[in-house]
Every structure is written in C-alpha cells, then in structure tokens.
Amino acid sequence: MSVAEPCYFHDMKFLKQNHKYESDHTLFIKALKEKNPQIEAGQQAGRAILWDKPATPLDEQARNKASSVKQQPYVYQNKA
C-alpha cells in the first residue's frame, strides 16, 4: 500500500478477528444468568433504588442552591 492509497479498516490484518470468540468472563456471566434468571430483575431493582430518582422541582433546586454554604478551597486550613 502506498501513501496515496486510502486506508480502510477492513483491509487491516489486526482487525480481522474471530467474531465468534467469547471470553471466559462472558461465558461465566451467561451461565450465571441461565442458572438464576431473576438476577437481572434484581439488578434493575437495585439500579432503581440508587439511580432512578424523580426530577427535583425548579423551586426546590433554587432553594437548595441558595441555602448551600461555600466550602473553602482547603478544608483543613484555618480561616485566614
């Protein structure tokens, strides 16, 4: 290949991989989910507890921002 020729990804040898390969970790997770089909529902329930929160109303956001105290740059230093 010369410098003037375009380089396409499908021409590169290192990208020609076996797409049927699955790592040991992937096989383990698939086997675990086959043995325990309820595991995914438990993951979604845990995510809902920690991350899926209702939106905070704008007036409450403004009140929280107004009531916050600014932290000094280095918290362990005495106030100068």
C-alpha atoms as a PDB file:
ATOM      1  CA  MET A   1       0.000   0.000   0.000  1.00  0.00           C
ATOM      2  CA  SER A   2       1.415   3.361  -0.931  1.00  0.00           C
ATOM      3  CA  VAL A   3       0.964   6.607   0.931  1.00  0.00           C
ATOM      4  CA  ALA A   4      -1.582   7.876  -1.585  1.00  0.00           C
ATOM      5  CA  GLU A   5      -3.924   4.886  -1.213  1.00  0.00           C
ATOM      6  CA  PRO A   6      -6.741   5.242   1.330  1.00  0.00           C
ATOM      7  CA  CYS A   7      -6.558   3.039   4.415  1.00  0.00           C
ATOM      8  CA  TYR A   8      -9.728   1.086   5.148  1.00  0.00           C
ATOM      9  CA  PHE A   9     -10.316  -0.737   8.410  1.00  0.00           C
ATOM     10  CA  HIS A  10     -11.451  -3.936   6.710  1.00  0.00           C
ATOM     11  CA  ASP A  11      -8.069  -4.142   4.951  1.00  0.00           C
ATOM     12  CA  MET A  12      -6.083  -4.152   8.183  1.00  0.00           C
ATOM     13  CA  LYS A  13      -4.980  -7.594   9.297  1.00  0.00           C
ATOM     14  CA  PHE A  14      -5.153  -6.916  13.030  1.00  0.00           C
ATOM     15  CA  LEU A  15      -8.873  -6.141  12.802  1.00  0.00           C
ATOM     16  CA  LYS A  16      -9.707  -9.487  11.196  1.00  0.00           C
ATOM     17  CA  GLN A  17     -10.733 -11.213  14.390  1.00  0.00           C
ATOM     18  CA  ASN A  18     -12.885 -14.205  15.070  1.00  0.00           C
ATOM     19  CA  HIS A  19     -16.258 -12.675  15.955  1.00  0.00           C
ATOM     20  CA  LYS A  20     -17.453 -15.969  17.441  1.00  0.00           C
ATOM     21  CA  TYR A  21     -14.965 -15.730  20.327  1.00  0.00           C
ATOM     22  CA  GLU A  22     -16.393 -15.202  23.810  1.00  0.00           C
ATOM     23  CA  SER A  23     -14.170 -14.620  26.820  1.00  0.00           C
ATOM     24  CA  ASP A  24     -14.293 -16.749  29.950  1.00  0.00           C
ATOM     25  CA  HIS A  25     -15.939 -13.867  31.779  1.00  0.00           C
ATOM     26  CA  THR A  26     -18.710 -13.567  29.189  1.00  0.00           C
ATOM     27  CA  LEU A  27     -19.361 -17.312  29.320  1.00  0.00           C
ATOM     28  CA  PHE A  28     -19.453 -17.190  33.125  1.00  0.00           C
ATOM     29  CA  ILE A  29     -21.980 -14.322  33.187  1.00  0.00           C
ATOM     30  CA  LYS A  30     -24.178 -16.057  30.587  1.00  0.00           C
ATOM     31  CA  ALA A  31     -24.119 -19.308  32.580  1.00  0.00           C
ATOM     32  CA  LEU A  32     -24.882 -17.424  35.800  1.00  0.00           C
ATOM     33  CA  LYS A  33     -27.877 -15.690  34.210  1.00  0.00           C
ATOM     34  CA  GLU A  34     -29.145 -19.025  32.839  1.00  0.00           C
ATOM     35  CA  LYS A  35     -28.966 -20.591  36.320  1.00  0.00           C
ATOM     36  CA  ASN A  36     -30.539 -17.545  38.025  1.00  0.00           C
ATOM     37  CA  PRO A  37     -32.956 -15.807  35.658  1.00  0.00           C
ATOM     38  CA  GLN A  38     -34.118 -13.474  38.469  1.00  0.00           C
ATOM     39  CA  ILE A  39     -30.651 -11.926  38.707  1.00  0.00           C
ATOM     40  CA  GLU A  40     -31.382  -9.342  36.020  1.00  0.00           C
ATOM     41  CA  ALA A  41     -34.595  -8.237  37.736  1.00  0.00           C
ATOM     42  CA  GLY A  42     -32.605  -7.785  40.940  1.00  0.00           C
ATOM     43  CA  GLN A  43     -30.040  -5.667  39.099  1.00  0.00           C
ATOM     44  CA  GLN A  44     -32.779  -3.441  37.699  1.00  0.00           C
ATOM     45  CA  ALA A  45     -34.404  -3.102  41.126  1.00  0.00           C
ATOM     46  CA  GLY A  46     -31.054  -2.114  42.644  1.00  0.00           C
ATOM     47  CA  ARG A  47     -30.495   0.437  39.922  1.00  0.00           C
ATOM     48  CA  ALA A  48     -33.950   1.898  40.530  1.00  0.00           C
ATOM     49  CA  ILE A  49     -33.135   2.363  44.226  1.00  0.00           C
ATOM     50  CA  LEU A  50     -29.838   4.134  43.618  1.00  0.00           C
ATOM     51  CA  TRP A  51     -30.199   5.987  40.314  1.00  0.00           C
ATOM     52  CA  ASP A  52     -33.774   6.290  39.045  1.00  0.00           C
ATOM     53  CA  LYS A  53     -34.970   9.304  41.036  1.00  0.00           C
ATOM     54  CA  PRO A  54     -37.789  11.694  40.160  1.00  0.00           C
ATOM     55  CA  ALA A  55     -36.739  15.128  38.920  1.00  0.00           C
ATOM     56  CA  THR A  56     -36.374  17.826  41.590  1.00  0.00           C
ATOM     57  CA  PRO A  57     -38.747  20.782  41.067  1.00  0.00           C
ATOM     58  CA  LEU A  58     -37.075  24.038  39.965  1.00  0.00           C
ATOM     59  CA  ASP A  59     -38.145  25.985  43.070  1.00  0.00           C
ATOM     60  CA  GLU A  60     -36.612  23.312  45.312  1.00  0.00           C
ATOM     61  CA  GLN A  61     -33.403  23.368  43.234  1.00  0.00           C
ATOM     62  CA  ALA A  62     -33.191  27.155  43.645  1.00  0.00           C
ATOM     63  CA  ARG A  63     -33.803  26.875  47.413  1.00  0.00           C
ATOM     64  CA  ASN A  64     -31.089  24.205  47.752  1.00  0.00           C
ATOM     65  CA  LYS A  65     -28.606  26.316  45.779  1.00  0.00           C
ATOM     66  CA  ALA A  66     -29.361  29.439  47.828  1.00  0.00           C
ATOM     67  CA  SER A  67     -29.007  27.600  51.148  1.00  0.00           C
ATOM     68  CA  SER A  68     -25.681  25.941  50.341  1.00  0.00           C
ATOM     69  CA  VAL A  69     -22.562  27.183  52.116  1.00  0.00           C
ATOM     70  CA  LYS A  70     -19.444  27.754  50.002  1.00  0.00           C
ATOM     71  CA  GLN A  71     -16.602  25.465  51.015  1.00  0.00           C
ATOM     72  CA  GLN A  72     -13.163  26.998  51.460  1.00  0.00           C
ATOM     73  CA  PRO A  73     -10.508  25.835  48.962  1.00  0.00           C
ATOM     74  CA  TYR A  74      -8.516  23.819  51.503  1.00  0.00           C
ATOM     75  CA  VAL A  75     -10.805  22.496  54.191  1.00  0.00           C
ATOM     76  CA  TYR A  76      -8.098  21.627  56.730  1.00  0.00           C
ATOM     77  CA  GLN A  77      -6.617  25.138  56.855  1.00  0.00           C
ATOM     78  CA  ASN A  78      -7.838  27.609  59.469  1.00  0.00           C
ATOM     79  CA  LYS A  79      -9.782  30.539  58.184  1.00  0.00           C
ATOM     80  CA  ALA A  80      -7.474  33.393  57.337  1.00  0.00           C
END
